Amino acid sequence: MSETDKHGTTFDQASREATGARPYGRYLEDFEEGATYKHWPAKTVTEADDHMFCLITMNHHPLSKPDRGIVKVRTDVFNQRNELVATFKRAVLIPKRPA
């Protein structure tokens, strides 16, 4: 069952796609182990950005549901001289393709 807010916005992937809206990401089955995804354009991430993201998201993820899976991501951060300045790993919840 699809949940909607007071504006009629739906919160599940299948309902969003049924409206013709552009999908906002890949399904779990679309990821391949060892794949590299480069993001462009680049953005300078500041300490303030990091704190704001953590405060906004509170990093709450319900991990034991059958309609999603976990993708482990490693991010390498390079400065303007192409020097590696940070590396971090995280786990991201990704919805599975509807049956």
PDB file of N, CA and C in Angstrom:
ATOM      1  N   MET A   1       0.839  -1.176   0.000  1.00  0.00           N
ATOM      2  CA  MET A   1       0.000   0.000   0.000  1.00  0.00           C
ATOM      3  C   MET A   1       0.884   1.240   0.000  1.00  0.00           C
ATOM      4  N   SER A   2       0.524   2.206  -0.784  1.00  0.00           N
ATOM      5  CA  SER A   2       1.303   3.423  -0.910  1.00  0.00           C
ATOM      6  C   SER A   2       0.889   4.432   0.152  1.00  0.00           C
ATOM      7  N   GLU A   3       1.880   5.060   0.786  1.00  0.00           N
ATOM      8  CA  GLU A   3       1.599   6.123   1.732  1.00  0.00           C
ATOM      9  C   GLU A   3       1.697   7.453   0.995  1.00  0.00           C
ATOM     10  N   THR A   4       0.807   8.387   1.351  1.00  0.00           N
ATOM     11  CA  THR A   4       0.859   9.717   0.764  1.00  0.00           C
ATOM     12  C   THR A   4       0.789  10.760   1.867  1.00  0.00           C
ATOM     13  N   ASP A   5       1.353  11.933   1.578  1.00  0.00           N
ATOM     14  CA  ASP A   5       1.246  13.017   2.552  1.00  0.00           C
ATOM     15  C   ASP A   5       0.036  13.871   2.214  1.00  0.00           C
ATOM     16  N   LYS A   6      -0.144  14.986   2.925  1.00  0.00           N
ATOM     17  CA  LYS A   6      -1.326  15.832   2.721  1.00  0.00           C
ATOM     18  C   LYS A   6      -1.351  16.478   1.340  1.00  0.00           C
ATOM     19  N   HIS A   7      -0.228  16.469   0.629  1.00  0.00           N
ATOM     20  CA  HIS A   7      -0.160  17.041  -0.716  1.00  0.00           C
ATOM     21  C   HIS A   7      -0.338  15.986  -1.807  1.00  0.00           C
ATOM     22  N   GLY A   8      -0.526  14.728  -1.396  1.00  0.00           N
ATOM     23  CA  GLY A   8      -0.690  13.650  -2.360  1.00  0.00           C
ATOM     24  C   GLY A   8       0.615  13.063  -2.860  1.00  0.00           C
ATOM     25  N   THR A   9       1.733  13.428  -2.249  1.00  0.00           N
ATOM     26  CA  THR A   9       3.036  12.891  -2.638  1.00  0.00           C
ATOM     27  C   THR A   9       3.160  11.457  -2.144  1.00  0.00           C
ATOM     28  N   THR A  10       3.545  10.545  -3.045  1.00  0.00           N
ATOM     29  CA  THR A  10       3.700   9.145  -2.655  1.00  0.00           C
ATOM     30  C   THR A  10       5.124   8.889  -2.185  1.00  0.00           C
ATOM     31  N   PHE A  11       5.258   7.883  -1.314  1.00  0.00           N
ATOM     32  CA  PHE A  11       6.542   7.632  -0.696  1.00  0.00           C
ATOM     33  C   PHE A  11       7.172   6.303  -1.074  1.00  0.00           C
ATOM     34  N   ASP A  12       6.577   5.523  -1.972  1.00  0.00           N
ATOM     35  CA  ASP A  12       7.220   4.271  -2.339  1.00  0.00           C
ATOM     36  C   ASP A  12       7.582   4.313  -3.823  1.00  0.00           C
ATOM     37  N   GLN A  13       8.640   3.585  -4.175  1.00  0.00           N
ATOM     38  CA  GLN A  13       9.210   3.627  -5.518  1.00  0.00           C
ATOM     39  C   GLN A  13       8.197   3.246  -6.597  1.00  0.00           C
ATOM     40  N   ALA A  14       7.458   2.153  -6.393  1.00  0.00           N
ATOM     41  CA  ALA A  14       6.527   1.674  -7.425  1.00  0.00           C
ATOM     42  C   ALA A  14       5.453   2.717  -7.729  1.00  0.00           C
ATOM     43  N   SER A  15       4.909   3.347  -6.696  1.00  0.00           N
ATOM     44  CA  SER A  15       3.880   4.360  -6.916  1.00  0.00           C
ATOM     45  C   SER A  15       4.427   5.576  -7.636  1.00  0.00           C
ATOM     46  N   ARG A  16       5.655   5.981  -7.270  1.00  0.00           N
ATOM     47  CA  ARG A  16       6.269   7.125  -7.961  1.00  0.00           C
ATOM     48  C   ARG A  16       6.465   6.822  -9.440  1.00  0.00           C
ATOM     49  N   GLU A  17       6.964   5.623  -9.757  1.00  0.00           N
ATOM     50  CA  GLU A  17       7.210   5.277 -11.149  1.00  0.00           C
ATOM     51  C   GLU A  17       5.909   5.127 -11.932  1.00  0.00           C
ATOM     52  N   ALA A  18       4.840   4.684 -11.269  1.00  0.00           N
ATOM     53  CA  ALA A  18       3.551   4.516 -11.943  1.00  0.00           C
ATOM     54  C   ALA A  18       2.986   5.854 -12.406  1.00  0.00           C
ATOM     55  N   THR A  19       3.380   6.947 -11.773  1.00  0.00           N
ATOM     56  CA  THR A  19       2.899   8.270 -12.162  1.00  0.00           C
ATOM     57  C   THR A  19       3.658   8.809 -13.373  1.00  0.00           C
ATOM     58  N   GLY A  20       4.697   8.098 -13.786  1.00  0.00           N
ATOM     59  CA  GLY A  20       5.524   8.570 -14.885  1.00  0.00           C
ATOM     60  C   GLY A  20       6.710   9.381 -14.405  1.00  0.00           C
ATOM     61  N   ALA A  21       6.825   9.546 -13.085  1.00  0.00           N
ATOM     62  CA  ALA A  21       7.965  10.287 -12.531  1.00  0.00           C
ATOM     63  C   ALA A  21       9.255   9.533 -12.821  1.00  0.00           C
ATOM     64  N   ARG A  22      10.308  10.284 -12.995  1.00  0.00           N
ATOM     65  CA  ARG A  22      11.610   9.671 -13.246  1.00  0.00           C
ATOM     66  C   ARG A  22      12.047   8.913 -11.999  1.00  0.00           C
ATOM     67  N   PRO A  23      12.483   7.665 -12.144  1.00  0.00           N
ATOM     68  CA  PRO A  23      12.985   6.918 -10.990  1.00  0.00           C
ATOM     69  C   PRO A  23      14.162   7.668 -10.362  1.00  0.00           C
ATOM     70  N   TYR A  24      14.258   7.646  -9.066  1.00  0.00           N
ATOM     71  CA  TYR A  24      15.297   8.408  -8.403  1.00  0.00           C
ATOM     72  C   TYR A  24      16.508   7.580  -8.021  1.00  0.00           C
ATOM     73  N   GLY A  25      16.660   6.413  -8.595  1.00  0.00           N
ATOM     74  CA  GLY A  25      17.845   5.628  -8.305  1.00  0.00           C
ATOM     75  C   GLY A  25      17.753   4.234  -8.888  1.00  0.00           C
ATOM     76  N   ARG A  26      18.740   3.428  -8.576  1.00  0.00           N
ATOM     77  CA  ARG A  26      18.776   2.046  -9.039  1.00  0.00           C
ATOM     78  C   ARG A  26      18.091   1.141  -8.027  1.00  0.00           C
ATOM     79  N   TYR A  27      17.651  -0.026  -8.508  1.00  0.00           N
ATOM     80  CA  TYR A  27      17.188  -1.068  -7.599  1.00  0.00           C
ATOM     81  C   TYR A  27      18.396  -1.863  -7.135  1.00  0.00           C
ATOM     82  N   LEU A  28      18.227  -2.577  -6.041  1.00  0.00           N
ATOM     83  CA  LEU A  28      19.306  -3.385  -5.478  1.00  0.00           C
ATOM     84  C   LEU A  28      19.912  -4.308  -6.534  1.00  0.00           C
ATOM     85  N   GLU A  29      19.056  -4.920  -7.362  1.00  0.00           N
ATOM     86  CA  GLU A  29      19.520  -5.889  -8.367  1.00  0.00           C
ATOM     87  C   GLU A  29      20.340  -5.234  -9.479  1.00  0.00           C
ATOM     88  N   ASP A  30      20.290  -3.899  -9.601  1.00  0.00           N
ATOM     89  CA  ASP A  30      21.014  -3.190 -10.648  1.00  0.00           C
ATOM     90  C   ASP A  30      22.486  -2.945 -10.304  1.00  0.00           C
ATOM     91  N   PHE A  31      22.858  -3.145  -9.042  1.00  0.00           N
ATOM     92  CA  PHE A  31      24.232  -2.912  -8.636  1.00  0.00           C
ATOM     93  C   PHE A  31      25.088  -4.144  -8.907  1.00  0.00           C
ATOM     94  N   GLU A  32      26.348  -3.906  -9.269  1.00  0.00           N
ATOM     95  CA  GLU A  32      27.296  -4.988  -9.500  1.00  0.00           C
ATOM     96  C   GLU A  32      28.464  -4.808  -8.540  1.00  0.00           C
ATOM     97  N   GLU A  33      28.905  -5.897  -7.942  1.00  0.00           N
ATOM     98  CA  GLU A  33      30.030  -5.833  -7.036  1.00  0.00           C
ATOM     99  C   GLU A  33      31.260  -5.325  -7.766  1.00  0.00           C
ATOM    100  N   GLY A  34      31.937  -4.379  -7.152  1.00  0.00           N
ATOM    101  CA  GLY A  34      33.158  -3.826  -7.732  1.00  0.00           C
ATOM    102  C   GLY A  34      32.941  -2.703  -8.724  1.00  0.00           C
ATOM    103  N   ALA A  35      31.685  -2.351  -9.025  1.00  0.00           N
ATOM    104  CA  ALA A  35      31.415  -1.286  -9.994  1.00  0.00           C
ATOM    105  C   ALA A  35      31.861   0.061  -9.427  1.00  0.00           C
ATOM    106  N   THR A  36      32.251   0.970 -10.315  1.00  0.00           N
ATOM    107  CA  THR A  36      32.644   2.328  -9.930  1.00  0.00           C
ATOM    108  C   THR A  36      31.648   3.309 -10.531  1.00  0.00           C
ATOM    109  N   TYR A  37      31.122   4.197  -9.693  1.00  0.00           N
ATOM    110  CA  TYR A  37      30.189   5.222 -10.142  1.00  0.00           C
ATOM    111  C   TYR A  37      30.817   6.574  -9.847  1.00  0.00           C
ATOM    112  N   LYS A  38      31.132   7.334 -10.896  1.00  0.00           N
ATOM    113  CA  LYS A  38      31.743   8.646 -10.722  1.00  0.00           C
ATOM    114  C   LYS A  38      30.653   9.707 -10.759  1.00  0.00           C
ATOM    115  N   HIS A  39      30.755  10.676  -9.880  1.00  0.00           N
ATOM    116  CA  HIS A  39      29.768  11.750  -9.791  1.00  0.00           C
ATOM    117  C   HIS A  39      30.339  13.030 -10.367  1.00  0.00           C
ATOM    118  N   TRP A  40      29.542  13.719 -11.157  1.00  0.00           N
ATOM    119  CA  TRP A  40      29.937  14.985 -11.734  1.00  0.00           C
ATOM    120  C   TRP A  40      28.707  15.839 -11.861  1.00  0.00           C
ATOM    121  N   PRO A  41      28.701  17.094 -11.620  1.00  0.00           N
ATOM    122  CA  PRO A  41      29.879  17.880 -11.288  1.00  0.00           C
ATOM    123  C   PRO A  41      30.304  17.656  -9.846  1.00  0.00           C
ATOM    124  N   ALA A  42      31.534  17.982  -9.583  1.00  0.00           N
ATOM    125  CA  ALA A  42      32.082  17.801  -8.240  1.00  0.00           C
ATOM    126  C   ALA A  42      31.574  18.902  -7.316  1.00  0.00           C
ATOM    127  N   LYS A  43      31.640  18.655  -6.033  1.00  0.00           N
ATOM    128  CA  LYS A  43      31.252  19.651  -5.048  1.00  0.00           C
ATOM    129  C   LYS A  43      32.239  19.582  -3.896  1.00  0.00           C
ATOM    130  N   THR A  44      32.603  20.714  -3.386  1.00  0.00           N
ATOM    131  CA  THR A  44      33.448  20.747  -2.201  1.00  0.00           C
ATOM    132  C   THR A  44      32.561  20.463  -0.998  1.00  0.00           C
ATOM    133  N   VAL A  45      32.882  19.411  -0.266  1.00  0.00           N
ATOM    134  CA  VAL A  45      32.125  19.043   0.924  1.00  0.00           C
ATOM    135  C   VAL A  45      32.859  19.602   2.127  1.00  0.00           C
ATOM    136  N   THR A  46      32.172  20.446   2.862  1.00  0.00           N
ATOM    137  CA  THR A  46      32.781  21.067   4.029  1.00  0.00           C
ATOM    138  C   THR A  46      32.396  20.319   5.302  1.00  0.00           C
ATOM    139  N   GLU A  47      33.061  20.646   6.372  1.00  0.00           N
ATOM    140  CA  GLU A  47      32.699  20.054   7.660  1.00  0.00           C
ATOM    141  C   GLU A  47      31.264  20.424   8.020  1.00  0.00           C
ATOM    142  N   ALA A  48      30.865  21.639   7.678  1.00  0.00           N
ATOM    143  CA  ALA A  48      29.482  22.066   7.942  1.00  0.00           C
ATOM    144  C   ALA A  48      28.487  21.209   7.165  1.00  0.00           C
ATOM    145  N   ASP A  49      28.804  20.874   5.904  1.00  0.00           N
ATOM    146  CA  ASP A  49      27.938  19.987   5.114  1.00  0.00           C
ATOM    147  C   ASP A  49      27.769  18.650   5.813  1.00  0.00           C
ATOM    148  N   ASP A  50      28.871  18.099   6.308  1.00  0.00           N
ATOM    149  CA  ASP A  50      28.834  16.812   6.985  1.00  0.00           C
ATOM    150  C   ASP A  50      27.949  16.878   8.228  1.00  0.00           C
ATOM    151  N   HIS A  51      28.132  17.904   9.045  1.00  0.00           N
ATOM    152  CA  HIS A  51      27.320  18.035  10.259  1.00  0.00           C
ATOM    153  C   HIS A  51      25.846  18.224   9.930  1.00  0.00           C
ATOM    154  N   MET A  52      25.543  19.043   8.925  1.00  0.00           N
ATOM    155  CA  MET A  52      24.152  19.287   8.547  1.00  0.00           C
ATOM    156  C   MET A  52      23.494  17.999   8.059  1.00  0.00           C
ATOM    157  N   PHE A  53      24.189  17.230   7.233  1.00  0.00           N
ATOM    158  CA  PHE A  53      23.636  15.969   6.735  1.00  0.00           C
ATOM    159  C   PHE A  53      23.328  15.024   7.885  1.00  0.00           C
ATOM    160  N   CYS A  54      24.254  14.909   8.827  1.00  0.00           N
ATOM    161  CA  CYS A  54      24.033  14.015   9.974  1.00  0.00           C
ATOM    162  C   CYS A  54      22.866  14.492  10.825  1.00  0.00           C
ATOM    163  N   LEU A  55      22.736  15.800  11.006  1.00  0.00           N
ATOM    164  CA  LEU A  55      21.627  16.334  11.799  1.00  0.00           C
ATOM    165  C   LEU A  55      20.287  16.139  11.105  1.00  0.00           C
ATOM    166  N   ILE A  56      20.252  16.349   9.801  1.00  0.00           N
ATOM    167  CA  ILE A  56      18.999  16.216   9.052  1.00  0.00           C
ATOM    168  C   ILE A  56      18.550  14.763   8.982  1.00  0.00           C
ATOM    169  N   THR A  57      19.451  13.858   8.657  1.00  0.00           N
ATOM    170  CA  THR A  57      19.072  12.461   8.441  1.00  0.00           C
ATOM    171  C   THR A  57      19.026  11.644   9.717  1.00  0.00           C
ATOM    172  N   MET A  58      19.762  12.061  10.725  1.00  0.00           N
ATOM    173  CA  MET A  58      19.889  11.308  11.971  1.00  0.00           C
ATOM    174  C   MET A  58      20.299   9.863  11.698  1.00  0.00           C
ATOM    175  N   ASN A  59      20.629   9.556  10.459  1.00  0.00           N
ATOM    176  CA  ASN A  59      21.143   8.258  10.039  1.00  0.00           C
ATOM    177  C   ASN A  59      20.308   7.082  10.544  1.00  0.00           C
ATOM    178  N   HIS A  60      19.003   7.221  10.488  1.00  0.00           N
ATOM    179  CA  HIS A  60      18.106   6.144  10.911  1.00  0.00           C
ATOM    180  C   HIS A  60      17.722   5.301   9.696  1.00  0.00           C
ATOM    181  N   HIS A  61      18.094   4.051   9.699  1.00  0.00           N
ATOM    182  CA  HIS A  61      17.767   3.163   8.592  1.00  0.00           C
ATOM    183  C   HIS A  61      17.201   1.855   9.130  1.00  0.00           C
ATOM    184  N   PRO A  62      15.942   1.527   8.806  1.00  0.00           N
ATOM    185  CA  PRO A  62      15.398   0.217   9.197  1.00  0.00           C
ATOM    186  C   PRO A  62      15.987  -0.862   8.289  1.00  0.00           C
ATOM    187  N   LEU A  63      16.979  -1.660   8.818  1.00  0.00           N
ATOM    188  CA  LEU A  63      17.736  -2.593   7.984  1.00  0.00           C
ATOM    189  C   LEU A  63      17.091  -3.964   7.822  1.00  0.00           C
ATOM    190  N   SER A  64      16.029  -4.426   8.576  1.00  0.00           N
ATOM    191  CA  SER A  64      15.666  -5.850   8.450  1.00  0.00           C
ATOM    192  C   SER A  64      14.458  -6.121   7.572  1.00  0.00           C
ATOM    193  N   LYS A  65      14.038  -5.200   6.622  1.00  0.00           N
ATOM    194  CA  LYS A  65      12.823  -5.352   5.819  1.00  0.00           C
ATOM    195  C   LYS A  65      13.121  -6.102   4.530  1.00  0.00           C
ATOM    196  N   PRO A  66      12.181  -6.949   4.016  1.00  0.00           N
ATOM    197  CA  PRO A  66      12.429  -7.789   2.837  1.00  0.00           C
ATOM    198  C   PRO A  66      12.360  -7.059   1.495  1.00  0.00           C
ATOM    199  N   ASP A  67      11.861  -5.813   1.459  1.00  0.00           N
ATOM    200  CA  ASP A  67      11.731  -5.098   0.183  1.00  0.00           C
ATOM    201  C   ASP A  67      12.935  -4.218  -0.123  1.00  0.00           C
ATOM    202  N   ARG A  68      14.033  -4.408   0.616  1.00  0.00           N
ATOM    203  CA  ARG A  68      15.235  -3.609   0.392  1.00  0.00           C
ATOM    204  C   ARG A  68      16.479  -4.410   0.761  1.00  0.00           C
ATOM    205  N   GLY A  69      17.594  -3.926   0.318  1.00  0.00           N
ATOM    206  CA  GLY A  69      18.856  -4.576   0.625  1.00  0.00           C
ATOM    207  C   GLY A  69      19.918  -3.536   0.911  1.00  0.00           C
ATOM    208  N   ILE A  70      21.072  -3.986   1.314  1.00  0.00           N
ATOM    209  CA  ILE A  70      22.153  -3.080   1.689  1.00  0.00           C
ATOM    210  C   ILE A  70      23.244  -3.115   0.623  1.00  0.00           C
ATOM    211  N   VAL A  71      23.657  -1.944   0.175  1.00  0.00           N
ATOM    212  CA  VAL A  71      24.794  -1.800  -0.731  1.00  0.00           C
ATOM    213  C   VAL A  71      25.885  -1.101   0.054  1.00  0.00           C
ATOM    214  N   LYS A  72      27.069  -1.707   0.101  1.00  0.00           N
ATOM    215  CA  LYS A  72      28.202  -1.098   0.785  1.00  0.00           C
ATOM    216  C   LYS A  72      28.966  -0.240  -0.210  1.00  0.00           C
ATOM    217  N   VAL A  73      29.254   0.996   0.172  1.00  0.00           N
ATOM    218  CA  VAL A  73      29.867   1.976  -0.712  1.00  0.00           C
ATOM    219  C   VAL A  73      31.170   2.472  -0.092  1.00  0.00           C
ATOM    220  N   ARG A  74      32.213   2.570  -0.910  1.00  0.00           N
ATOM    221  CA  ARG A  74      33.449   3.225  -0.485  1.00  0.00           C
ATOM    222  C   ARG A  74      33.583   4.479  -1.327  1.00  0.00           C
ATOM    223  N   THR A  75      33.809   5.588  -0.683  1.00  0.00           N
ATOM    224  CA  THR A  75      33.975   6.858  -1.379  1.00  0.00           C
ATOM    225  C   THR A  75      35.394   7.350  -1.177  1.00  0.00           C
ATOM    226  N   ASP A  76      36.054   7.672  -2.282  1.00  0.00           N
ATOM    227  CA  ASP A  76      37.386   8.271  -2.253  1.00  0.00           C
ATOM    228  C   ASP A  76      37.237   9.740  -2.624  1.00  0.00           C
ATOM    229  N   VAL A  77      37.833  10.621  -1.846  1.00  0.00           N
ATOM    230  CA  VAL A  77      37.719  12.059  -2.060  1.00  0.00           C
ATOM    231  C   VAL A  77      39.081  12.603  -2.463  1.00  0.00           C
ATOM    232  N   PHE A  78      39.105  13.326  -3.578  1.00  0.00           N
ATOM    233  CA  PHE A  78      40.344  13.889  -4.105  1.00  0.00           C
ATOM    234  C   PHE A  78      40.273  15.406  -4.090  1.00  0.00           C
ATOM    235  N   ASN A  79      41.395  16.064  -3.836  1.00  0.00           N
ATOM    236  CA  ASN A  79      41.426  17.522  -3.884  1.00  0.00           C
ATOM    237  C   ASN A  79      41.685  17.995  -5.310  1.00  0.00           C
ATOM    238  N   GLN A  80      41.845  19.306  -5.466  1.00  0.00           N
ATOM    239  CA  GLN A  80      42.037  19.879  -6.802  1.00  0.00           C
ATOM    240  C   GLN A  80      43.347  19.449  -7.450  1.00  0.00           C
ATOM    241  N   ARG A  81      44.287  18.894  -6.670  1.00  0.00           N
ATOM    242  CA  ARG A  81      45.546  18.390  -7.231  1.00  0.00           C
ATOM    243  C   ARG A  81      45.483  16.888  -7.468  1.00  0.00           C
ATOM    244  N   ASN A  82      44.284  16.336  -7.401  1.00  0.00           N
ATOM    245  CA  ASN A  82      44.044  14.908  -7.614  1.00  0.00           C
ATOM    246  C   ASN A  82      44.754  14.037  -6.574  1.00  0.00           C
ATOM    247  N   GLU A  83      44.917  14.575  -5.356  1.00  0.00           N
ATOM    248  CA  GLU A  83      45.504  13.826  -4.255  1.00  0.00           C
ATOM    249  C   GLU A  83      44.385  13.253  -3.397  1.00  0.00           C
ATOM    250  N   LEU A  84      44.495  11.993  -3.025  1.00  0.00           N
ATOM    251  CA  LEU A  84      43.495  11.368  -2.167  1.00  0.00           C
ATOM    252  C   LEU A  84      43.564  12.021  -0.785  1.00  0.00           C
ATOM    253  N   VAL A  85      42.447  12.617  -0.332  1.00  0.00           N
ATOM    254  CA  VAL A  85      42.438  13.314   0.954  1.00  0.00           C
ATOM    255  C   VAL A  85      41.511  12.665   1.973  1.00  0.00           C
ATOM    256  N   ALA A  86      40.624  11.798   1.529  1.00  0.00           N
ATOM    257  CA  ALA A  86      39.730  11.120   2.469  1.00  0.00           C
ATOM    258  C   ALA A  86      39.150   9.881   1.802  1.00  0.00           C
ATOM    259  N   THR A  87      38.897   8.878   2.597  1.00  0.00           N
ATOM    260  CA  THR A  87      38.207   7.672   2.157  1.00  0.00           C
ATOM    261  C   THR A  87      37.244   7.292   3.263  1.00  0.00           C
ATOM    262  N   PHE A  88      36.004   6.975   2.896  1.00  0.00           N
ATOM    263  CA  PHE A  88      35.075   6.501   3.908  1.00  0.00           C
ATOM    264  C   PHE A  88      34.173   5.432   3.325  1.00  0.00           C
ATOM    265  N   LYS A  89      33.677   4.588   4.200  1.00  0.00           N
ATOM    266  CA  LYS A  89      32.784   3.498   3.807  1.00  0.00           C
ATOM    267  C   LYS A  89      31.459   3.683   4.518  1.00  0.00           C
ATOM    268  N   ARG A  90      30.379   3.284   3.846  1.00  0.00           N
ATOM    269  CA  ARG A  90      29.061   3.359   4.457  1.00  0.00           C
ATOM    270  C   ARG A  90      28.164   2.300   3.844  1.00  0.00           C
ATOM    271  N   ALA A  91      27.063   2.046   4.493  1.00  0.00           N
ATOM    272  CA  ALA A  91      26.053   1.120   3.982  1.00  0.00           C
ATOM    273  C   ALA A  91      24.805   1.930   3.644  1.00  0.00           C
ATOM    274  N   VAL A  92      24.208   1.645   2.476  1.00  0.00           N
ATOM    275  CA  VAL A  92      23.056   2.385   1.999  1.00  0.00           C
ATOM    276  C   VAL A  92      21.909   1.415   1.742  1.00  0.00           C
ATOM    277  N   LEU A  93      20.709   1.782   2.185  1.00  0.00           N
ATOM    278  CA  LEU A  93      19.525   0.966   1.885  1.00  0.00           C
ATOM    279  C   LEU A  93      19.058   1.250   0.470  1.00  0.00           C
ATOM    280  N   ILE A  94      18.820   0.197  -0.306  1.00  0.00           N
ATOM    281  CA  ILE A  94      18.373   0.341  -1.697  1.00  0.00           C
ATOM    282  C   ILE A  94      17.130  -0.525  -1.853  1.00  0.00           C
ATOM    283  N   PRO A  95      16.037   0.017  -2.456  1.00  0.00           N
ATOM    284  CA  PRO A  95      14.839  -0.804  -2.658  1.00  0.00           C
ATOM    285  C   PRO A  95      15.082  -1.905  -3.681  1.00  0.00           C
ATOM    286  N   LYS A  96      14.469  -3.062  -3.455  1.00  0.00           N
ATOM    287  CA  LYS A  96      14.518  -4.158  -4.429  1.00  0.00           C
ATOM    288  C   LYS A  96      13.482  -3.926  -5.502  1.00  0.00           C
ATOM    289  N   ARG A  97      13.726  -4.496  -6.673  1.00  0.00           N
ATOM    290  CA  ARG A  97      12.794  -4.384  -7.783  1.00  0.00           C
ATOM    291  C   ARG A  97      11.479  -5.046  -7.381  1.00  0.00           C
ATOM    292  N   PRO A  98      10.334  -4.418  -7.667  1.00  0.00           N
ATOM    293  CA  PRO A  98       9.038  -5.031  -7.329  1.00  0.00           C
ATOM    294  C   PRO A  98       8.861  -6.376  -8.052  1.00  0.00           C
ATOM    295  N   ALA A  99       8.199  -7.291  -7.388  1.00  0.00           N
ATOM    296  CA  ALA A  99       7.978  -8.627  -7.977  1.00  0.00           C
ATOM    297  C   ALA A  99       7.049  -8.555  -9.167  1.00  0.00           C
TER     298      ALA A  99
END
